Amino acid sequence: MPTCDGIREEYIRCLLRSECVFIKRHSAEECIKNRDLEHLVPEHCQMLRKSLFECKRGLLDMRKRMRGVPNSGLGNKDRIEKDSSRWNE
């Protein structure tokens, strides 16, 4: 079953390296929930947060379950190798 672990780990690393947590010494939870601290979190981290949300939402969508969840942490290279090995048998 696909998971969102890859995006989650990348988001956590990004958040921990952000100015809000690393320099200003706020907790990660404060940086996520407080709108006043939002400007201290880089846009890349905010995009990762949206991707994580979409990934989790996709896990519940039955149409996407059959096709696989895009951006679930499984790279295209791994997906291509698995598909091509099926045809080499």
Protein backbone atom coordinates (compact mmCIF):
# COMPACT_ATOMS: atom_id res chain seq x y z
CA MET A 1 0.00 0.00 0.00
CA PRO A 2 1.41 3.42 -0.89
CA THR A 3 2.35 5.75 1.91
CA CYS A 4 3.35 9.38 2.16
CA ASP A 5 6.51 8.74 4.20
CA GLY A 6 8.89 10.27 1.66
CA ILE A 7 7.07 13.58 1.55
CA ARG A 8 6.55 13.59 5.32
CA GLU A 9 10.27 13.12 6.01
CA GLU A 10 11.25 15.79 3.50
CA TYR A 11 8.70 18.21 5.00
CA ILE A 12 9.99 17.60 8.53
CA ARG A 13 13.61 18.15 7.44
CA CYS A 14 12.64 21.35 5.63
CA LEU A 15 10.68 22.65 8.60
CA LEU A 16 13.50 21.90 11.05
CA ARG A 17 15.96 23.82 8.84
CA SER A 18 13.64 26.82 8.47
CA GLU A 19 14.37 30.19 10.06
CA CYS A 20 11.35 29.80 12.31
CA VAL A 21 12.67 26.66 14.04
CA PHE A 22 16.43 26.79 13.55
CA ILE A 23 17.15 30.47 14.20
CA LYS A 24 14.14 31.87 16.08
CA ARG A 25 13.84 28.70 18.23
CA HIS A 26 10.08 28.28 17.95
CA SER A 27 8.67 24.79 18.07
CA ALA A 28 7.71 23.18 14.78
CA GLU A 29 4.08 23.10 15.92
CA GLU A 30 4.13 26.86 16.57
CA CYS A 31 5.57 27.52 13.12
CA ILE A 32 2.87 25.42 11.47
CA LYS A 33 -0.15 26.73 13.40
CA ASN A 34 0.71 30.39 14.05
CA ARG A 35 -0.13 32.64 11.09
CA ASP A 36 2.24 35.34 12.38
CA LEU A 37 5.22 32.99 12.01
CA GLU A 38 4.22 31.77 8.54
CA HIS A 39 6.54 34.26 6.80
CA LEU A 40 9.55 32.58 8.50
CA VAL A 41 8.80 29.23 6.83
CA PRO A 42 10.18 28.97 3.25
CA GLU A 43 7.84 28.59 0.31
CA HIS A 44 9.40 25.19 -0.46
CA CYS A 45 8.24 23.89 2.94
CA GLN A 46 4.77 25.28 2.39
CA MET A 47 4.59 23.49 -0.97
CA LEU A 48 5.72 20.25 0.70
CA ARG A 49 2.96 20.70 3.26
CA LYS A 50 0.38 20.99 0.49
CA SER A 51 1.84 17.94 -1.26
CA LEU A 52 1.64 15.95 1.98
CA PHE A 53 -1.99 16.98 2.39
CA GLU A 54 -2.80 15.95 -1.20
CA CYS A 55 -0.98 12.64 -0.71
CA LYS A 56 -2.92 11.83 2.46
CA ARG A 57 -6.17 12.83 0.78
CA GLY A 58 -5.29 10.63 -2.19
CA LEU A 59 -4.92 7.62 0.09
CA LEU A 60 -8.61 7.90 0.87
CA ASP A 61 -9.71 8.37 -2.75
CA MET A 62 -10.71 5.00 -4.18
CA ARG A 63 -10.01 6.09 -7.77
CA LYS A 64 -6.42 6.97 -6.90
CA ARG A 65 -5.90 3.84 -4.86
CA MET A 66 -6.05 1.70 -7.96
CA ARG A 67 -3.67 3.92 -9.95
CA GLY A 68 -1.37 4.77 -7.09
CA VAL A 69 -0.99 8.05 -5.29
CA PRO A 70 1.11 10.61 -7.16
CA ASN A 71 3.93 12.17 -5.12
CA SER A 72 3.71 9.45 -2.50
CA GLY A 73 7.46 9.25 -2.10
CA LEU A 74 7.95 6.54 -4.74
CA GLY A 75 10.14 8.03 -7.45
CA ASN A 76 9.38 7.66 -11.15
CA LYS A 77 12.58 5.64 -11.60
CA ASP A 78 11.36 2.93 -9.20
CA ARG A 79 7.93 2.89 -10.82
CA ILE A 80 9.43 2.53 -14.32
CA GLU A 81 11.75 -0.29 -13.25
CA LYS A 82 8.86 -2.22 -11.70
CA ASP A 83 6.71 -1.76 -14.82
CA SER A 84 9.46 -2.71 -17.25
CA SER A 85 10.46 -5.83 -15.29
CA ARG A 86 6.93 -7.13 -15.70
CA TRP A 87 7.30 -7.17 -19.50
CA ASN A 88 10.72 -8.86 -19.52
CA GLU A 89 9.38 -12.15 -18.20
